[in-house]
Amino acid sequence: MDHSCLSLEFPAVGGREVAVHFNGGELTSDAGLMILQHADRQLGLLDALAGGVKHGVRGLLAERVFPIAAGYEDASDLDRLRADPALNRDIRHP
């Protein structure tokens, strides 16, 4: 079995060597998320959106927990069930 790692060399960019080494380590197939997270930190988008949230943590948890308990685990039916009396209760007070 060949244990050598694949390496690719590219033309220099701005006087800097460009090389790619496929030797493992911490890998992900979702590297674009790192760019998105960096952009969010610079823009403050999630912080701005979180500032406009009108629901408390309990309400948000109830919005996920109760449908899961009722068998709607992927939440794809919740738009249709919006008016269902069992799922449309004021859950702030027991």
C-alpha atoms as a PDB file:
ATOM      1  CA  MET A   1       0.000   0.000   0.000  1.00  0.00           C
ATOM      2  CA  ASP A   2       1.329   3.436  -0.916  1.00  0.00           C
ATOM      3  CA  HIS A   3       1.345   5.775   2.123  1.00  0.00           C
ATOM      4  CA  SER A   4       2.774   8.784   0.298  1.00  0.00           C
ATOM      5  CA  CYS A   5       0.661  11.918   0.323  1.00  0.00           C
ATOM      6  CA  LEU A   6      -0.326  13.787  -2.778  1.00  0.00           C
ATOM      7  CA  SER A   7       1.191  17.257  -3.118  1.00  0.00           C
ATOM      8  CA  LEU A   8       0.490  19.840  -5.779  1.00  0.00           C
ATOM      9  CA  GLU A   9       2.702  22.803  -6.623  1.00  0.00           C
ATOM     10  CA  PHE A  10       1.283  25.913  -8.292  1.00  0.00           C
ATOM     11  CA  PRO A  11       2.958  28.949  -9.850  1.00  0.00           C
ATOM     12  CA  ALA A  12       4.066  31.546  -7.312  1.00  0.00           C
ATOM     13  CA  VAL A  13       1.576  34.299  -6.506  1.00  0.00           C
ATOM     14  CA  GLY A  14       2.976  37.654  -5.497  1.00  0.00           C
ATOM     15  CA  GLY A  15       6.381  36.058  -4.949  1.00  0.00           C
ATOM     16  CA  ARG A  16       4.940  33.455  -2.560  1.00  0.00           C
ATOM     17  CA  GLU A  17       5.033  29.705  -3.050  1.00  0.00           C
ATOM     18  CA  VAL A  18       1.635  28.052  -3.422  1.00  0.00           C
ATOM     19  CA  ALA A  19       1.415  24.356  -2.562  1.00  0.00           C
ATOM     20  CA  VAL A  20      -1.319  21.949  -1.539  1.00  0.00           C
ATOM     21  CA  HIS A  21      -0.596  18.903   0.602  1.00  0.00           C
ATOM     22  CA  PHE A  22      -3.228  16.215   1.148  1.00  0.00           C
ATOM     23  CA  ASN A  23      -1.774  14.682   4.283  1.00  0.00           C
ATOM     24  CA  GLY A  24      -4.862  14.578   6.478  1.00  0.00           C
ATOM     25  CA  GLY A  25      -5.165  16.355   9.755  1.00  0.00           C
ATOM     26  CA  GLU A  26      -8.314  18.243  10.637  1.00  0.00           C
ATOM     27  CA  LEU A  27     -10.548  17.951   7.575  1.00  0.00           C
ATOM     28  CA  THR A  28     -13.985  19.227   6.680  1.00  0.00           C
ATOM     29  CA  SER A  29     -16.181  19.173   3.632  1.00  0.00           C
ATOM     30  CA  ASP A  30     -17.833  22.405   4.804  1.00  0.00           C
ATOM     31  CA  ALA A  31     -14.882  24.833   4.725  1.00  0.00           C
ATOM     32  CA  GLY A  32     -17.135  27.544   3.319  1.00  0.00           C
ATOM     33  CA  LEU A  33     -18.669  27.857   6.797  1.00  0.00           C
ATOM     34  CA  MET A  34     -15.367  29.255   8.093  1.00  0.00           C
ATOM     35  CA  ILE A  35     -15.613  32.067   5.528  1.00  0.00           C
ATOM     36  CA  LEU A  36     -19.253  32.657   6.460  1.00  0.00           C
ATOM     37  CA  GLN A  37     -18.389  32.771  10.191  1.00  0.00           C
ATOM     38  CA  HIS A  38     -15.573  35.237   9.526  1.00  0.00           C
ATOM     39  CA  ALA A  39     -17.886  37.447   7.458  1.00  0.00           C
ATOM     40  CA  ASP A  40     -20.518  37.327  10.204  1.00  0.00           C
ATOM     41  CA  ARG A  41     -17.961  38.392  12.811  1.00  0.00           C
ATOM     42  CA  GLN A  42     -17.015  41.386  10.651  1.00  0.00           C
ATOM     43  CA  LEU A  43     -20.575  42.355   9.724  1.00  0.00           C
ATOM     44  CA  GLY A  44     -22.302  41.523  13.017  1.00  0.00           C
ATOM     45  CA  LEU A  45     -25.279  40.100  11.119  1.00  0.00           C
ATOM     46  CA  LEU A  46     -26.268  37.427  13.650  1.00  0.00           C
ATOM     47  CA  ASP A  47     -25.877  39.886  16.534  1.00  0.00           C
ATOM     48  CA  ALA A  48     -28.170  42.331  14.716  1.00  0.00           C
ATOM     49  CA  LEU A  49     -30.730  39.608  14.029  1.00  0.00           C
ATOM     50  CA  ALA A  50     -30.558  38.329  17.614  1.00  0.00           C
ATOM     51  CA  GLY A  51     -31.286  41.849  18.853  1.00  0.00           C
ATOM     52  CA  GLY A  52     -34.636  41.737  17.065  1.00  0.00           C
ATOM     53  CA  VAL A  53     -35.750  38.386  18.505  1.00  0.00           C
ATOM     54  CA  LYS A  54     -39.005  38.766  20.418  1.00  0.00           C
ATOM     55  CA  HIS A  55     -39.155  35.227  21.822  1.00  0.00           C
ATOM     56  CA  GLY A  56     -37.413  33.943  24.897  1.00  0.00           C
ATOM     57  CA  VAL A  57     -35.316  30.802  25.024  1.00  0.00           C
ATOM     58  CA  ARG A  58     -38.178  28.848  26.605  1.00  0.00           C
ATOM     59  CA  GLY A  59     -40.489  29.705  23.720  1.00  0.00           C
ATOM     60  CA  LEU A  60     -37.887  28.785  21.129  1.00  0.00           C
ATOM     61  CA  LEU A  61     -37.233  25.469  22.875  1.00  0.00           C
ATOM     62  CA  ALA A  62     -40.951  24.732  23.079  1.00  0.00           C
ATOM     63  CA  GLU A  63     -41.255  25.479  19.367  1.00  0.00           C
ATOM     64  CA  ARG A  64     -38.782  22.635  18.706  1.00  0.00           C
ATOM     65  CA  VAL A  65     -39.464  20.180  21.571  1.00  0.00           C
ATOM     66  CA  PHE A  66     -43.249  19.870  21.293  1.00  0.00           C
ATOM     67  CA  PRO A  67     -43.349  19.218  17.523  1.00  0.00           C
ATOM     68  CA  ILE A  68     -40.570  16.629  17.922  1.00  0.00           C
ATOM     69  CA  ALA A  69     -42.578  14.930  20.672  1.00  0.00           C
ATOM     70  CA  ALA A  70     -45.622  14.935  18.368  1.00  0.00           C
ATOM     71  CA  GLY A  71     -43.649  13.238  15.586  1.00  0.00           C
ATOM     72  CA  TYR A  72     -42.810  16.313  13.479  1.00  0.00           C
ATOM     73  CA  GLU A  73     -39.051  16.042  14.051  1.00  0.00           C
ATOM     74  CA  ASP A  74     -37.929  17.726  10.829  1.00  0.00           C
ATOM     75  CA  ALA A  75     -40.326  20.676  11.308  1.00  0.00           C
ATOM     76  CA  SER A  76     -41.388  20.511   7.657  1.00  0.00           C
ATOM     77  CA  ASP A  77     -45.086  20.414   8.627  1.00  0.00           C
ATOM     78  CA  LEU A  78     -45.072  23.376  10.987  1.00  0.00           C
ATOM     79  CA  ASP A  79     -46.286  25.942   8.441  1.00  0.00           C
ATOM     80  CA  ARG A  80     -49.331  23.757   7.815  1.00  0.00           C
ATOM     81  CA  LEU A  81     -49.802  23.180  11.549  1.00  0.00           C
ATOM     82  CA  ARG A  82     -49.456  26.850  12.478  1.00  0.00           C
ATOM     83  CA  ALA A  83     -53.139  27.121  13.438  1.00  0.00           C
ATOM     84  CA  ASP A  84     -53.307  23.756  15.243  1.00  0.00           C
ATOM     85  CA  PRO A  85     -54.613  24.524  18.763  1.00  0.00           C
ATOM     86  CA  ALA A  86     -52.215  22.060  20.429  1.00  0.00           C
ATOM     87  CA  LEU A  87     -49.162  23.708  18.875  1.00  0.00           C
ATOM     88  CA  ASN A  88     -50.427  27.297  18.942  1.00  0.00           C
ATOM     89  CA  ARG A  89     -50.749  27.861  22.658  1.00  0.00           C
ATOM     90  CA  ASP A  90     -49.212  30.587  24.753  1.00  0.00           C
ATOM     91  CA  ILE A  91     -46.325  28.550  26.094  1.00  0.00           C
ATOM     92  CA  ARG A  92     -44.883  31.330  28.256  1.00  0.00           C
ATOM     93  CA  HIS A  93     -46.995  30.260  31.232  1.00  0.00           C
ATOM     94  CA  PRO A  94     -47.648  26.633  32.196  1.00  0.00           C
END
